[in-house]
């Protein structure tokens, strides 16, 4: 965090505002008005100090178009695959703890995939429909309608998962 009037130290890095930028932003004239940025947002950018280039509408200097979105997609895909493998591993361990016979890993992976895609999607759609019915159809307050829908979804999902664990 940069305090107005405090010089920038080496620990703060490149993205922190310098003293000249702080003085320029405190007067709220110049480039801030040219880019339709209010004084409040310029001051907020100084205080948060990592988003100073965003005040002027400038992208970071090391930003290349398309790279960040592609890497984010690849990262999300790899995280999803790792999460699926973790789900299968946890499912197999829970079945072993309950004393069930070991099954082939492909059968367990299909059971987890079916639960993740089909069962949870169906539960989500039905519970969202229940929320809309409660809120718009019966006039239940919004927070109560959402809360009831979430509780129904959690209980139904837990029972479905427990049923999946008990399957031979």
N, C-alpha and C. Protein backbone atom coordinates (compact mmCIF):
# COMPACT_ATOMS: atom_id res chain seq x y z
N UNK A 1 0.85 -1.17 0.00
CA UNK A 1 0.00 0.00 0.00
C UNK A 1 0.89 1.23 0.00
N UNK A 2 0.54 2.22 -0.78
CA UNK A 2 1.30 3.45 -0.87
C UNK A 2 0.54 4.55 -0.16
N UNK A 3 1.21 5.22 0.74
CA UNK A 3 0.61 6.34 1.46
C UNK A 3 1.04 7.60 0.74
N UNK A 4 0.11 8.53 0.57
CA UNK A 4 0.41 9.76 -0.16
C UNK A 4 1.54 10.49 0.54
N UNK A 5 2.56 10.84 -0.24
CA UNK A 5 3.70 11.56 0.28
C UNK A 5 4.86 10.68 0.66
N UNK A 6 4.66 9.35 0.63
CA UNK A 6 5.73 8.43 0.99
C UNK A 6 6.45 7.99 -0.28
N UNK A 7 7.77 8.05 -0.31
CA UNK A 7 8.47 7.64 -1.52
C UNK A 7 8.36 6.13 -1.74
N UNK A 8 8.43 5.73 -3.01
CA UNK A 8 8.33 4.33 -3.38
C UNK A 8 9.62 3.61 -3.02
N UNK A 9 9.51 2.48 -2.35
CA UNK A 9 10.69 1.71 -1.99
C UNK A 9 10.90 0.59 -3.00
N UNK A 10 12.06 -0.01 -2.95
CA UNK A 10 12.39 -1.08 -3.90
C UNK A 10 11.54 -2.33 -3.65
N UNK A 11 11.09 -2.54 -2.42
CA UNK A 11 10.29 -3.71 -2.10
C UNK A 11 8.92 -3.67 -2.77
N UNK A 12 8.43 -2.48 -3.09
CA UNK A 12 7.08 -2.34 -3.62
C UNK A 12 6.96 -2.81 -5.06
N UNK A 13 8.01 -2.79 -5.81
CA UNK A 13 7.97 -3.29 -7.18
C UNK A 13 7.57 -2.23 -8.18
N UNK A 14 7.46 -2.66 -9.47
CA UNK A 14 7.20 -1.73 -10.55
C UNK A 14 5.77 -1.21 -10.57
N UNK A 15 4.82 -1.99 -10.13
CA UNK A 15 3.42 -1.62 -10.28
C UNK A 15 2.93 -0.61 -9.25
N UNK A 16 3.73 -0.23 -8.30
CA UNK A 16 3.31 0.72 -7.29
C UNK A 16 3.53 2.14 -7.79
N UNK A 17 2.70 3.02 -7.33
CA UNK A 17 2.73 4.41 -7.78
C UNK A 17 3.96 5.13 -7.25
N UNK A 18 4.54 5.95 -8.08
CA UNK A 18 5.67 6.77 -7.63
C UNK A 18 5.14 8.05 -7.01
N UNK A 19 6.01 8.81 -6.41
CA UNK A 19 5.61 10.05 -5.75
C UNK A 19 5.05 11.05 -6.76
N UNK A 20 5.61 11.08 -7.97
CA UNK A 20 5.10 12.00 -8.99
C UNK A 20 3.69 11.60 -9.42
N UNK A 21 3.42 10.30 -9.53
CA UNK A 21 2.08 9.85 -9.89
C UNK A 21 1.09 10.19 -8.79
N UNK A 22 1.54 10.07 -7.54
CA UNK A 22 0.66 10.38 -6.42
C UNK A 22 0.30 11.86 -6.44
N UNK A 23 1.28 12.71 -6.65
CA UNK A 23 1.01 14.14 -6.68
C UNK A 23 0.11 14.51 -7.85
N UNK A 24 0.32 13.87 -9.00
CA UNK A 24 -0.52 14.14 -10.16
C UNK A 24 -1.95 13.70 -9.94
N UNK A 25 -2.14 12.58 -9.23
CA UNK A 25 -3.49 12.07 -9.01
C UNK A 25 -4.20 12.86 -7.93
N UNK A 26 -3.46 13.41 -7.00
CA UNK A 26 -4.13 14.11 -5.92
C UNK A 26 -4.77 15.41 -6.38
N UNK A 27 -4.26 15.98 -7.45
CA UNK A 27 -4.87 17.22 -7.94
C UNK A 27 -6.07 16.94 -8.84
N UNK A 28 -6.23 15.69 -9.27
CA UNK A 28 -7.37 15.25 -10.08
C UNK A 28 -7.56 16.06 -11.34
N UNK A 29 -6.50 16.28 -12.04
CA UNK A 29 -6.60 16.90 -13.36
C UNK A 29 -5.64 16.19 -14.28
N UNK A 30 -5.62 16.54 -15.50
CA UNK A 30 -4.69 15.93 -16.43
C UNK A 30 -5.22 14.64 -17.01
N UNK A 31 -4.43 13.57 -16.99
CA UNK A 31 -4.79 12.36 -17.71
C UNK A 31 -6.02 11.66 -17.15
N UNK A 32 -6.38 11.91 -15.91
CA UNK A 32 -7.53 11.22 -15.33
C UNK A 32 -8.81 11.66 -16.01
N UNK A 33 -8.95 12.93 -16.30
CA UNK A 33 -10.15 13.42 -16.97
C UNK A 33 -10.17 13.02 -18.43
N UNK A 34 -9.01 12.90 -19.05
CA UNK A 34 -8.96 12.54 -20.46
C UNK A 34 -9.45 11.12 -20.69
N UNK A 35 -9.27 10.24 -19.72
CA UNK A 35 -9.71 8.85 -19.85
C UNK A 35 -10.98 8.58 -19.07
N UNK A 36 -11.74 9.62 -18.74
CA UNK A 36 -13.03 9.51 -18.04
C UNK A 36 -12.92 8.76 -16.71
N UNK A 37 -11.86 8.97 -15.99
CA UNK A 37 -11.66 8.36 -14.69
C UNK A 37 -11.87 9.42 -13.62
N UNK A 38 -12.66 9.10 -12.64
CA UNK A 38 -12.95 10.07 -11.59
C UNK A 38 -11.80 10.17 -10.61
N UNK A 39 -11.84 11.21 -9.79
CA UNK A 39 -10.81 11.40 -8.76
C UNK A 39 -10.83 10.25 -7.77
N UNK A 40 -12.03 9.77 -7.45
CA UNK A 40 -12.15 8.70 -6.47
C UNK A 40 -11.48 7.42 -6.98
N UNK A 41 -11.70 7.08 -8.25
CA UNK A 41 -11.08 5.85 -8.75
C UNK A 41 -9.57 6.00 -8.89
N UNK A 42 -9.10 7.21 -9.20
CA UNK A 42 -7.65 7.43 -9.27
C UNK A 42 -7.04 7.29 -7.88
N UNK A 43 -7.69 7.82 -6.87
CA UNK A 43 -7.20 7.71 -5.50
C UNK A 43 -7.24 6.25 -5.05
N UNK A 44 -8.32 5.54 -5.40
CA UNK A 44 -8.42 4.13 -5.05
C UNK A 44 -7.30 3.33 -5.69
N UNK A 45 -6.95 3.65 -6.92
CA UNK A 45 -5.87 2.95 -7.61
C UNK A 45 -4.54 3.20 -6.92
N UNK A 46 -4.35 4.40 -6.41
CA UNK A 46 -3.11 4.70 -5.70
C UNK A 46 -3.06 3.92 -4.40
N UNK A 47 -4.17 3.86 -3.69
CA UNK A 47 -4.19 3.17 -2.40
C UNK A 47 -3.99 1.68 -2.61
N UNK A 48 -4.66 1.10 -3.61
CA UNK A 48 -4.46 -0.33 -3.85
C UNK A 48 -3.13 -0.58 -4.51
N UNK A 49 -2.62 0.39 -5.21
CA UNK A 49 -1.26 0.48 -5.76
C UNK A 49 -0.88 -0.57 -6.78
N UNK A 50 -1.61 -1.64 -6.92
CA UNK A 50 -1.25 -2.61 -7.94
C UNK A 50 -1.99 -2.36 -9.23
N UNK A 51 -3.03 -1.53 -9.19
CA UNK A 51 -3.83 -1.31 -10.39
C UNK A 51 -3.62 0.08 -10.96
N UNK A 52 -2.50 0.73 -10.69
CA UNK A 52 -2.27 2.08 -11.19
C UNK A 52 -2.31 2.17 -12.70
N UNK A 53 -1.73 1.24 -13.48
CA UNK A 53 -1.84 1.37 -14.93
C UNK A 53 -3.28 1.27 -15.42
N UNK A 54 -4.13 0.58 -14.68
CA UNK A 54 -5.52 0.43 -15.11
C UNK A 54 -6.28 1.75 -15.01
N UNK A 55 -5.81 2.69 -14.19
CA UNK A 55 -6.48 3.98 -14.07
C UNK A 55 -6.40 4.72 -15.39
N UNK A 56 -5.30 4.63 -16.06
CA UNK A 56 -5.15 5.33 -17.32
C UNK A 56 -5.66 4.51 -18.48
N UNK A 57 -6.07 3.29 -18.24
CA UNK A 57 -6.54 2.43 -19.30
C UNK A 57 -5.42 1.74 -20.05
N UNK A 58 -4.22 1.71 -19.49
CA UNK A 58 -3.08 1.09 -20.14
C UNK A 58 -2.96 -0.35 -19.68
N UNK A 59 -2.75 -1.29 -20.61
CA UNK A 59 -2.50 -2.66 -20.17
C UNK A 59 -1.11 -2.77 -19.58
N UNK A 60 -0.85 -3.78 -18.79
CA UNK A 60 0.51 -3.98 -18.28
C UNK A 60 1.49 -4.15 -19.42
N UNK A 61 2.74 -3.77 -19.19
CA UNK A 61 3.74 -3.80 -20.27
C UNK A 61 4.05 -5.20 -20.75
N UNK A 62 3.93 -6.20 -19.89
CA UNK A 62 4.26 -7.56 -20.30
C UNK A 62 3.05 -8.32 -20.81
N UNK A 63 1.95 -7.63 -21.08
CA UNK A 63 0.73 -8.28 -21.55
C UNK A 63 0.79 -8.49 -23.06
N UNK A 64 0.54 -9.71 -23.47
CA UNK A 64 0.43 -10.01 -24.90
C UNK A 64 -0.98 -10.49 -25.16
N UNK A 65 -1.60 -10.01 -26.23
CA UNK A 65 -2.99 -10.33 -26.51
C UNK A 65 -3.18 -11.83 -26.69
N UNK A 66 -4.20 -12.37 -26.01
CA UNK A 66 -4.58 -13.75 -26.19
C UNK A 66 -3.82 -14.75 -25.35
N UNK A 67 -2.64 -14.43 -24.90
CA UNK A 67 -1.84 -15.39 -24.15
C UNK A 67 -2.49 -15.68 -22.80
N UNK A 68 -2.91 -14.66 -22.09
CA UNK A 68 -3.44 -14.87 -20.75
C UNK A 68 -4.74 -15.66 -20.79
N UNK A 69 -5.62 -15.41 -21.76
CA UNK A 69 -6.87 -16.15 -21.81
C UNK A 69 -6.63 -17.60 -22.20
N UNK A 70 -5.68 -17.86 -23.08
CA UNK A 70 -5.38 -19.23 -23.47
C UNK A 70 -4.75 -19.98 -22.31
N UNK A 71 -3.84 -19.35 -21.60
CA UNK A 71 -3.21 -20.00 -20.46
C UNK A 71 -4.23 -20.25 -19.35
N UNK A 72 -5.17 -19.34 -19.19
CA UNK A 72 -6.20 -19.54 -18.19
C UNK A 72 -7.07 -20.74 -18.55
N UNK A 73 -7.39 -20.89 -19.82
CA UNK A 73 -8.18 -22.03 -20.27
C UNK A 73 -7.44 -23.33 -20.04
N UNK A 74 -6.16 -23.37 -20.37
CA UNK A 74 -5.35 -24.57 -20.17
C UNK A 74 -5.22 -24.86 -18.67
N UNK A 75 -5.00 -23.85 -17.89
CA UNK A 75 -4.88 -24.02 -16.44
C UNK A 75 -6.18 -24.56 -15.84
N UNK A 76 -7.30 -24.00 -16.26
CA UNK A 76 -8.59 -24.48 -15.77
C UNK A 76 -8.85 -25.93 -16.19
N UNK A 77 -8.48 -26.27 -17.41
CA UNK A 77 -8.65 -27.64 -17.88
C UNK A 77 -7.81 -28.61 -17.06
N UNK A 78 -6.54 -28.27 -16.82
CA UNK A 78 -5.67 -29.14 -16.03
C UNK A 78 -6.15 -29.25 -14.58
N UNK A 79 -6.65 -28.15 -14.03
CA UNK A 79 -7.18 -28.19 -12.67
C UNK A 79 -8.43 -29.07 -12.60
N UNK A 80 -9.26 -29.01 -13.62
CA UNK A 80 -10.46 -29.85 -13.65
C UNK A 80 -10.11 -31.33 -13.74
N UNK A 81 -9.11 -31.66 -14.55
CA UNK A 81 -8.68 -33.05 -14.67
C UNK A 81 -8.10 -33.54 -13.34
N UNK A 82 -7.28 -32.72 -12.71
CA UNK A 82 -6.71 -33.10 -11.41
C UNK A 82 -7.80 -33.25 -10.36
N UNK A 83 -8.79 -32.38 -10.39
CA UNK A 83 -9.89 -32.49 -9.43
C UNK A 83 -10.69 -33.77 -9.66
N UNK A 84 -10.90 -34.16 -10.91
CA UNK A 84 -11.62 -35.40 -11.20
C UNK A 84 -10.85 -36.60 -10.67
N UNK A 85 -9.53 -36.64 -10.90
CA UNK A 85 -8.73 -37.74 -10.37
C UNK A 85 -8.78 -37.78 -8.85
N UNK A 86 -8.76 -36.61 -8.23
CA UNK A 86 -8.86 -36.56 -6.77
C UNK A 86 -10.22 -37.08 -6.30
N UNK A 87 -11.28 -36.73 -7.02
CA UNK A 87 -12.61 -37.23 -6.67
C UNK A 87 -12.67 -38.75 -6.77
N UNK A 88 -12.10 -39.31 -7.81
CA UNK A 88 -12.10 -40.77 -7.97
C UNK A 88 -11.29 -41.42 -6.85
N UNK A 89 -10.14 -40.83 -6.52
CA UNK A 89 -9.30 -41.37 -5.44
C UNK A 89 -10.05 -41.34 -4.11
N UNK A 90 -10.70 -40.22 -3.79
CA UNK A 90 -11.46 -40.11 -2.54
C UNK A 90 -12.62 -41.08 -2.53
N UNK A 91 -13.31 -41.23 -3.66
CA UNK A 91 -14.44 -42.17 -3.75
C UNK A 91 -13.97 -43.60 -3.49
N UNK A 92 -12.85 -43.98 -4.09
CA UNK A 92 -12.33 -45.35 -3.89
C UNK A 92 -11.94 -45.58 -2.43
N UNK A 93 -11.33 -44.57 -1.79
CA UNK A 93 -10.93 -44.70 -0.39
C UNK A 93 -12.16 -44.81 0.52
N UNK A 94 -13.19 -44.04 0.23
CA UNK A 94 -14.40 -44.11 1.05
C UNK A 94 -15.09 -45.46 0.90
N UNK A 95 -15.10 -46.00 -0.30
CA UNK A 95 -15.70 -47.33 -0.50
C UNK A 95 -14.91 -48.39 0.26
N UNK A 96 -13.57 -48.29 0.26
CA UNK A 96 -12.75 -49.25 0.99
C UNK A 96 -12.98 -49.14 2.49
N UNK A 97 -13.12 -47.92 3.00
CA UNK A 97 -13.34 -47.72 4.45
C UNK A 97 -14.67 -48.32 4.89
N UNK A 98 -15.66 -48.33 3.99
CA UNK A 98 -16.96 -48.90 4.33
C UNK A 98 -17.01 -50.41 4.16
N UNK A 99 -15.90 -50.99 3.71
CA UNK A 99 -15.82 -52.45 3.61
C UNK A 99 -16.32 -53.02 2.30
N UNK A 100 -16.51 -52.23 1.29
CA UNK A 100 -16.95 -52.74 0.00
C UNK A 100 -15.78 -53.33 -0.76
N UNK A 101 -16.09 -54.29 -1.62
CA UNK A 101 -15.06 -54.92 -2.44
C UNK A 101 -14.52 -53.92 -3.44
N UNK A 102 -13.25 -54.06 -3.78
CA UNK A 102 -12.63 -53.15 -4.76
C UNK A 102 -13.21 -53.42 -6.14
N UNK A 103 -13.46 -52.35 -6.83
CA UNK A 103 -13.92 -52.45 -8.21
C UNK A 103 -12.82 -51.96 -9.13
N UNK A 104 -13.03 -52.14 -10.40
CA UNK A 104 -12.10 -51.62 -11.39
C UNK A 104 -12.15 -50.09 -11.33
N UNK A 105 -11.02 -49.45 -11.58
CA UNK A 105 -10.96 -48.00 -11.51
C UNK A 105 -11.83 -47.34 -12.57
N UNK A 106 -12.02 -48.02 -13.71
CA UNK A 106 -12.88 -47.48 -14.76
C UNK A 106 -14.33 -47.41 -14.29
N UNK A 107 -14.77 -48.41 -13.52
CA UNK A 107 -16.14 -48.38 -13.00
C UNK A 107 -16.32 -47.23 -12.01
N UNK A 108 -15.33 -47.05 -11.15
CA UNK A 108 -15.40 -45.94 -10.19
C UNK A 108 -15.35 -44.59 -10.89
N UNK A 109 -14.52 -44.47 -11.92
CA UNK A 109 -14.44 -43.22 -12.66
C UNK A 109 -15.76 -42.91 -13.36
N UNK A 110 -16.40 -43.94 -13.91
CA UNK A 110 -17.71 -43.73 -14.57
C UNK A 110 -18.77 -43.33 -13.54
N UNK A 111 -18.73 -43.93 -12.37
CA UNK A 111 -19.70 -43.58 -11.33
C UNK A 111 -19.51 -42.13 -10.89
N UNK A 112 -18.26 -41.71 -10.71
CA UNK A 112 -17.99 -40.32 -10.31
C UNK A 112 -18.37 -39.36 -11.43
N UNK A 113 -18.05 -39.72 -12.67
CA UNK A 113 -18.40 -38.85 -13.80
C UNK A 113 -19.91 -38.72 -13.94
N UNK A 114 -20.63 -39.82 -13.78
CA UNK A 114 -22.10 -39.77 -13.85
C UNK A 114 -22.66 -38.89 -12.74
N UNK A 115 -22.10 -39.04 -11.54
CA UNK A 115 -22.56 -38.21 -10.42
C UNK A 115 -22.26 -36.74 -10.69
N UNK A 116 -21.04 -36.43 -11.15
CA UNK A 116 -20.65 -35.04 -11.39
C UNK A 116 -21.48 -34.39 -12.49
N UNK A 117 -21.73 -35.10 -13.57
CA UNK A 117 -22.40 -34.49 -14.72
C UNK A 117 -23.91 -34.62 -14.64
N UNK A 118 -24.39 -35.84 -14.53
CA UNK A 118 -25.84 -36.06 -14.64
C UNK A 118 -26.56 -35.74 -13.34
N UNK A 119 -26.12 -36.35 -12.26
CA UNK A 119 -26.85 -36.19 -10.99
C UNK A 119 -26.80 -34.76 -10.48
N UNK A 120 -25.62 -34.17 -10.45
CA UNK A 120 -25.52 -32.81 -9.91
C UNK A 120 -26.20 -31.78 -10.81
N UNK A 121 -26.16 -31.99 -12.12
CA UNK A 121 -26.87 -31.08 -13.03
C UNK A 121 -28.38 -31.17 -12.80
N UNK A 122 -28.89 -32.37 -12.67
CA UNK A 122 -30.32 -32.56 -12.42
C UNK A 122 -30.71 -31.94 -11.07
N UNK A 123 -29.93 -32.18 -10.04
CA UNK A 123 -30.21 -31.60 -8.72
C UNK A 123 -30.20 -30.07 -8.80
N UNK A 124 -29.22 -29.51 -9.50
CA UNK A 124 -29.13 -28.04 -9.61
C UNK A 124 -30.33 -27.47 -10.34
N UNK A 125 -30.73 -28.07 -11.44
CA UNK A 125 -31.88 -27.56 -12.19
C UNK A 125 -33.17 -27.63 -11.39
N UNK A 126 -33.39 -28.75 -10.71
CA UNK A 126 -34.61 -28.89 -9.91
C UNK A 126 -34.62 -27.89 -8.76
N UNK A 127 -33.48 -27.70 -8.10
CA UNK A 127 -33.44 -26.79 -6.96
C UNK A 127 -33.54 -25.33 -7.39
N UNK A 128 -33.00 -24.97 -8.54
CA UNK A 128 -33.20 -23.60 -9.05
C UNK A 128 -34.66 -23.39 -9.39
N UNK A 129 -35.29 -24.40 -9.98
CA UNK A 129 -36.74 -24.32 -10.24
C UNK A 129 -37.52 -24.17 -8.95
N UNK A 130 -37.12 -24.89 -7.91
CA UNK A 130 -37.77 -24.76 -6.60
C UNK A 130 -37.60 -23.35 -6.05
N UNK A 131 -36.40 -22.78 -6.20
CA UNK A 131 -36.18 -21.41 -5.73
C UNK A 131 -37.10 -20.43 -6.46
N UNK A 132 -37.18 -20.55 -7.78
CA UNK A 132 -38.05 -19.65 -8.55
C UNK A 132 -39.51 -19.83 -8.15
N UNK A 133 -39.94 -21.07 -7.94
CA UNK A 133 -41.32 -21.33 -7.52
C UNK A 133 -41.60 -20.70 -6.16
N UNK A 134 -40.67 -20.87 -5.24
CA UNK A 134 -40.86 -20.30 -3.90
C UNK A 134 -40.88 -18.77 -3.93
N UNK A 135 -39.94 -18.19 -4.68
CA UNK A 135 -39.80 -16.74 -4.68
C UNK A 135 -40.90 -16.07 -5.50
N UNK A 136 -41.05 -16.50 -6.75
CA UNK A 136 -41.99 -15.82 -7.64
C UNK A 136 -43.40 -16.39 -7.59
N UNK A 137 -43.52 -17.69 -7.33
CA UNK A 137 -44.84 -18.31 -7.31
C UNK A 137 -45.55 -18.19 -5.98
N UNK A 138 -44.84 -18.42 -4.90
CA UNK A 138 -45.46 -18.43 -3.58
C UNK A 138 -45.18 -17.18 -2.77
N UNK A 139 -44.33 -16.30 -3.26
CA UNK A 139 -44.06 -15.04 -2.59
C UNK A 139 -43.19 -15.14 -1.35
N UNK A 140 -42.39 -16.21 -1.25
CA UNK A 140 -41.47 -16.36 -0.13
C UNK A 140 -40.36 -15.32 -0.31
N UNK A 141 -39.86 -14.72 0.78
CA UNK A 141 -38.75 -13.77 0.63
C UNK A 141 -37.55 -14.41 -0.07
N UNK A 142 -36.78 -13.58 -0.78
CA UNK A 142 -35.68 -14.08 -1.62
C UNK A 142 -34.67 -14.86 -0.81
N UNK A 143 -34.25 -14.33 0.33
CA UNK A 143 -33.23 -15.04 1.11
C UNK A 143 -33.74 -16.38 1.62
N UNK A 144 -34.99 -16.47 2.00
CA UNK A 144 -35.57 -17.75 2.42
C UNK A 144 -35.68 -18.71 1.25
N UNK A 145 -36.09 -18.22 0.09
CA UNK A 145 -36.20 -19.08 -1.08
C UNK A 145 -34.87 -19.65 -1.51
N UNK A 146 -33.84 -18.81 -1.53
CA UNK A 146 -32.51 -19.29 -1.89
C UNK A 146 -31.98 -20.25 -0.83
N UNK A 147 -32.20 -19.93 0.43
CA UNK A 147 -31.74 -20.81 1.51
C UNK A 147 -32.40 -22.17 1.46
N UNK A 148 -33.71 -22.20 1.23
CA UNK A 148 -34.41 -23.48 1.16
C UNK A 148 -33.92 -24.28 -0.05
N UNK A 149 -33.73 -23.61 -1.18
CA UNK A 149 -33.22 -24.29 -2.37
C UNK A 149 -31.84 -24.88 -2.15
N UNK A 150 -30.96 -24.13 -1.48
CA UNK A 150 -29.61 -24.63 -1.21
C UNK A 150 -29.61 -25.80 -0.24
N UNK A 151 -30.47 -25.74 0.77
CA UNK A 151 -30.55 -26.85 1.73
C UNK A 151 -31.06 -28.11 1.04
N UNK A 152 -32.10 -27.96 0.22
CA UNK A 152 -32.63 -29.12 -0.51
C UNK A 152 -31.55 -29.70 -1.42
N UNK A 153 -30.81 -28.85 -2.11
CA UNK A 153 -29.75 -29.32 -3.00
C UNK A 153 -28.66 -30.05 -2.22
N UNK A 154 -28.26 -29.50 -1.08
CA UNK A 154 -27.19 -30.13 -0.28
C UNK A 154 -27.63 -31.49 0.26
N UNK A 155 -28.85 -31.57 0.78
CA UNK A 155 -29.33 -32.84 1.34
C UNK A 155 -29.50 -33.88 0.23
N UNK A 156 -30.09 -33.45 -0.88
CA UNK A 156 -30.30 -34.37 -2.00
C UNK A 156 -28.95 -34.85 -2.56
N UNK A 157 -27.99 -33.96 -2.71
CA UNK A 157 -26.68 -34.33 -3.21
C UNK A 157 -25.96 -35.28 -2.26
N UNK A 158 -26.06 -35.03 -0.96
CA UNK A 158 -25.43 -35.91 0.02
C UNK A 158 -26.04 -37.30 -0.03
N UNK A 159 -27.38 -37.37 -0.09
CA UNK A 159 -28.05 -38.68 -0.14
C UNK A 159 -27.70 -39.43 -1.41
N UNK A 160 -27.60 -38.71 -2.53
CA UNK A 160 -27.24 -39.35 -3.80
C UNK A 160 -25.81 -39.89 -3.75
N UNK A 161 -24.90 -39.13 -3.15
CA UNK A 161 -23.50 -39.57 -3.03
C UNK A 161 -23.41 -40.78 -2.09
N UNK A 162 -24.15 -40.75 -0.99
CA UNK A 162 -24.14 -41.88 -0.05
C UNK A 162 -24.71 -43.12 -0.72
N UNK A 163 -25.73 -42.95 -1.55
CA UNK A 163 -26.29 -44.07 -2.29
C UNK A 163 -25.26 -44.64 -3.28
N UNK A 164 -24.51 -43.76 -3.91
CA UNK A 164 -23.47 -44.19 -4.85
C UNK A 164 -22.37 -44.96 -4.11
N UNK A 165 -22.04 -44.56 -2.89
CA UNK A 165 -21.03 -45.27 -2.11
C UNK A 165 -21.49 -46.67 -1.72
N UNK A 166 -22.78 -46.85 -1.49
CA UNK A 166 -23.31 -48.14 -1.05
C UNK A 166 -23.49 -49.14 -2.19
N UNK A 167 -23.44 -48.67 -3.44
CA UNK A 167 -23.64 -49.59 -4.57
C UNK A 167 -22.56 -50.66 -4.58
N UNK A 168 -22.96 -51.92 -4.93
CA UNK A 168 -21.97 -53.00 -4.93
C UNK A 168 -20.97 -52.90 -6.05
